[in-house]
Amino acid sequence: MICQGVIFDDGQQCPHNHGMINTVEAAWHKILTTADEPRGPEGSPLAAPFAELVLVAHAEPLLRQLYPWAGMWELHFSRCTKIRHTWDIPYIGALRDGRYYVEGPSRISPRIAETDSAQAAVAMVVDRLPSHCGPAFIGNAEELAAYERARDNR
């Protein structure tokens, strides 16, 4: 399928990014509208800080163009929209005391820092974004890697 009108910085059209804006916007919408929903009968002390984190991250244009996903009160960012996501961007988690931690980019990476504010946590992630990061690629990590190899071999 050829995607009409999707042009990259290098002037090339990419058939794999059709629908990127709608896919990424839909994922952000889902997280934004469910971030503070109670989980379990008692809710969680992590709900409020996590909801604040999602709002702050969404306000950052560099992160807003990436595909967000969440689990275990952590907000992850992927350079592609489908599973298997990329694991080359740090992620942010909420702590019970209302603070935040930044880890990654992988699960085996050491904790980067803990901070009192969602703004500081988001800034740490932005500072560690890989080069040529975003907009999110429609596809999985393997398809993104193949696209990048082909792009880089031109």
Protein backbone atom coordinates (compact mmCIF):
# COMPACT_ATOMS: atom_id res chain seq x y z
CA MET A 1 0.00 0.00 0.00
CA ILE A 2 1.32 3.46 -0.85
CA CYS A 3 0.61 6.14 1.71
CA GLN A 4 -0.39 9.36 0.07
CA GLY A 5 1.21 12.50 1.45
CA VAL A 6 3.44 11.05 4.18
CA ILE A 7 6.82 12.71 3.62
CA PHE A 8 9.87 12.39 5.89
CA ASP A 9 12.62 14.93 6.54
CA ASP A 10 14.74 13.29 3.83
CA GLY A 11 11.95 13.91 1.28
CA GLN A 12 11.07 10.23 0.86
CA GLN A 13 7.59 8.78 1.11
CA CYS A 14 7.18 5.88 3.50
CA PRO A 15 4.46 3.28 2.92
CA HIS A 16 4.63 2.17 6.55
CA ASN A 17 3.53 5.33 8.32
CA HIS A 18 -0.03 5.55 7.01
CA GLY A 19 -2.31 6.43 9.89
CA MET A 20 0.50 7.34 12.32
CA ILE A 21 -1.25 10.39 13.69
CA ASN A 22 -4.55 8.63 14.31
CA THR A 23 -2.88 5.58 15.88
CA VAL A 24 -0.65 7.58 18.20
CA GLU A 25 -3.40 10.07 19.07
CA ALA A 26 -5.78 7.21 19.87
CA ALA A 27 -3.24 5.60 22.19
CA TRP A 28 -2.64 8.89 23.99
CA HIS A 29 -6.40 9.47 24.24
CA LYS A 30 -6.90 6.06 25.84
CA ILE A 31 -4.16 6.63 28.40
CA LEU A 32 -5.29 10.20 29.12
CA THR A 33 -8.88 9.11 29.73
CA THR A 34 -8.06 6.09 31.88
CA ALA A 35 -4.95 7.20 33.82
CA ASP A 36 -6.80 8.10 37.00
CA GLU A 37 -9.34 5.28 36.96
CA PRO A 38 -9.37 3.29 40.18
CA ARG A 39 -7.90 -0.19 39.96
CA GLY A 40 -9.33 -2.48 42.57
CA PRO A 41 -11.98 -1.71 45.17
CA GLU A 42 -9.77 0.63 47.20
CA GLY A 43 -8.18 2.42 44.26
CA SER A 44 -4.47 3.10 44.45
CA PRO A 45 -2.27 5.82 45.90
CA LEU A 46 -0.46 5.72 42.55
CA ALA A 47 -3.48 6.86 40.51
CA ALA A 48 -3.14 10.60 41.11
CA PRO A 49 0.61 10.86 40.46
CA PHE A 50 0.29 8.62 37.41
CA ALA A 51 -2.52 10.78 35.99
CA GLU A 52 -0.36 13.89 36.50
CA LEU A 53 2.55 12.15 34.78
CA VAL A 54 0.44 11.29 31.74
CA LEU A 55 -0.74 14.90 31.41
CA VAL A 56 2.79 16.28 31.67
CA ALA A 57 4.21 13.74 29.22
CA HIS A 58 1.43 14.42 26.71
CA ALA A 59 2.19 18.15 26.88
CA GLU A 60 5.77 17.48 25.66
CA PRO A 61 5.75 17.54 21.82
CA LEU A 62 8.71 15.17 21.48
CA LEU A 63 6.96 12.52 23.56
CA ARG A 64 3.50 13.18 22.13
CA GLN A 65 4.70 11.95 18.70
CA LEU A 66 5.73 8.59 20.21
CA TYR A 67 3.44 5.65 20.93
CA PRO A 68 2.58 5.55 24.65
CA TRP A 69 1.75 2.42 26.59
CA ALA A 70 1.28 1.84 30.27
CA GLY A 71 1.45 -0.94 32.79
CA MET A 72 2.25 -1.29 36.49
CA TRP A 73 1.88 2.50 36.92
CA GLU A 74 4.66 3.05 34.38
CA LEU A 75 4.46 5.16 31.25
CA HIS A 76 6.47 3.80 28.33
CA PHE A 77 7.23 5.37 24.95
CA SER A 78 7.83 3.45 21.76
CA ARG A 79 9.16 4.51 18.38
CA CYS A 80 6.70 2.07 16.78
CA THR A 81 2.99 1.44 17.22
CA LYS A 82 2.70 -2.34 17.32
CA ILE A 83 3.88 -5.06 19.65
CA ARG A 84 6.90 -5.81 19.92
CA HIS A 85 7.53 -2.19 20.91
CA THR A 86 10.96 -0.58 20.96
CA TRP A 87 12.86 -0.56 24.26
CA ASP A 88 15.30 2.25 23.51
CA ILE A 89 13.60 5.07 25.42
CA PRO A 90 13.58 5.41 29.22
CA TYR A 91 10.25 5.04 30.97
CA ILE A 92 8.70 6.71 34.02
CA GLY A 93 6.94 5.14 36.96
CA ALA A 94 4.94 6.52 39.86
CA LEU A 95 6.03 5.85 43.44
CA ARG A 96 3.70 5.45 46.42
CA ASP A 97 4.96 8.67 48.00
CA GLY A 98 3.84 10.73 44.96
CA ARG A 99 7.32 10.90 43.48
CA TYR A 100 8.54 9.41 40.20
CA TYR A 101 11.36 7.21 38.97
CA VAL A 102 12.99 7.10 35.57
CA GLU A 103 14.44 3.79 34.40
CA GLY A 104 15.55 2.18 31.23
CA PRO A 105 15.61 2.09 28.46
CA SER A 106 15.33 -1.65 29.18
CA ARG A 107 14.15 -3.53 32.24
CA ILE A 108 17.71 -4.54 33.04
CA SER A 109 19.01 -0.95 32.94
CA PRO A 110 19.71 0.71 36.27
CA ARG A 111 17.40 3.33 37.70
CA ILE A 112 18.36 6.71 36.25
CA ALA A 113 16.88 8.83 39.02
CA GLU A 114 13.97 9.55 41.34
CA THR A 115 12.38 12.96 41.34
CA ASP A 116 9.64 14.93 43.08
CA SER A 117 7.98 16.18 39.91
CA ALA A 118 6.50 14.73 36.77
CA GLN A 119 8.05 17.64 34.85
CA ALA A 120 11.57 16.66 35.96
CA ALA A 121 10.95 12.99 35.09
CA VAL A 122 9.68 13.91 31.62
CA ALA A 123 12.69 16.19 31.07
CA MET A 124 15.02 13.28 31.93
CA VAL A 125 13.37 11.11 29.29
CA VAL A 126 13.48 13.87 26.67
CA ASP A 127 17.19 14.38 27.36
CA ARG A 128 17.79 10.68 26.66
CA LEU A 129 15.74 10.26 23.47
CA PRO A 130 17.63 8.46 20.69
CA SER A 131 18.62 10.47 17.65
CA HIS A 132 16.04 10.47 14.83
CA CYS A 133 13.33 9.73 17.39
CA GLY A 134 9.78 10.13 16.15
CA PRO A 135 7.27 10.29 14.75
CA ALA A 136 6.19 6.77 15.67
CA PHE A 137 6.48 4.16 12.94
CA ILE A 138 3.39 2.14 12.04
CA GLY A 139 4.56 -1.40 12.62
CA ASN A 140 6.62 -3.32 15.17
CA ALA A 141 10.24 -3.01 16.27
CA GLU A 142 11.51 -5.48 13.66
CA GLU A 143 9.76 -3.64 10.83
CA LEU A 144 11.11 -0.33 12.12
CA ALA A 145 14.65 -1.75 12.21
CA ALA A 146 14.29 -2.99 8.61
CA TYR A 147 12.99 0.41 7.51
CA GLU A 148 15.87 2.20 9.24
CA ARG A 149 18.46 -0.13 7.67
CA ALA A 150 17.01 0.52 4.20
CA ARG A 151 16.86 4.27 4.86
CA ASP A 152 20.44 4.37 6.10
CA ASN A 153 21.72 2.37 3.10
CA ARG A 154 20.41 4.89 0.56
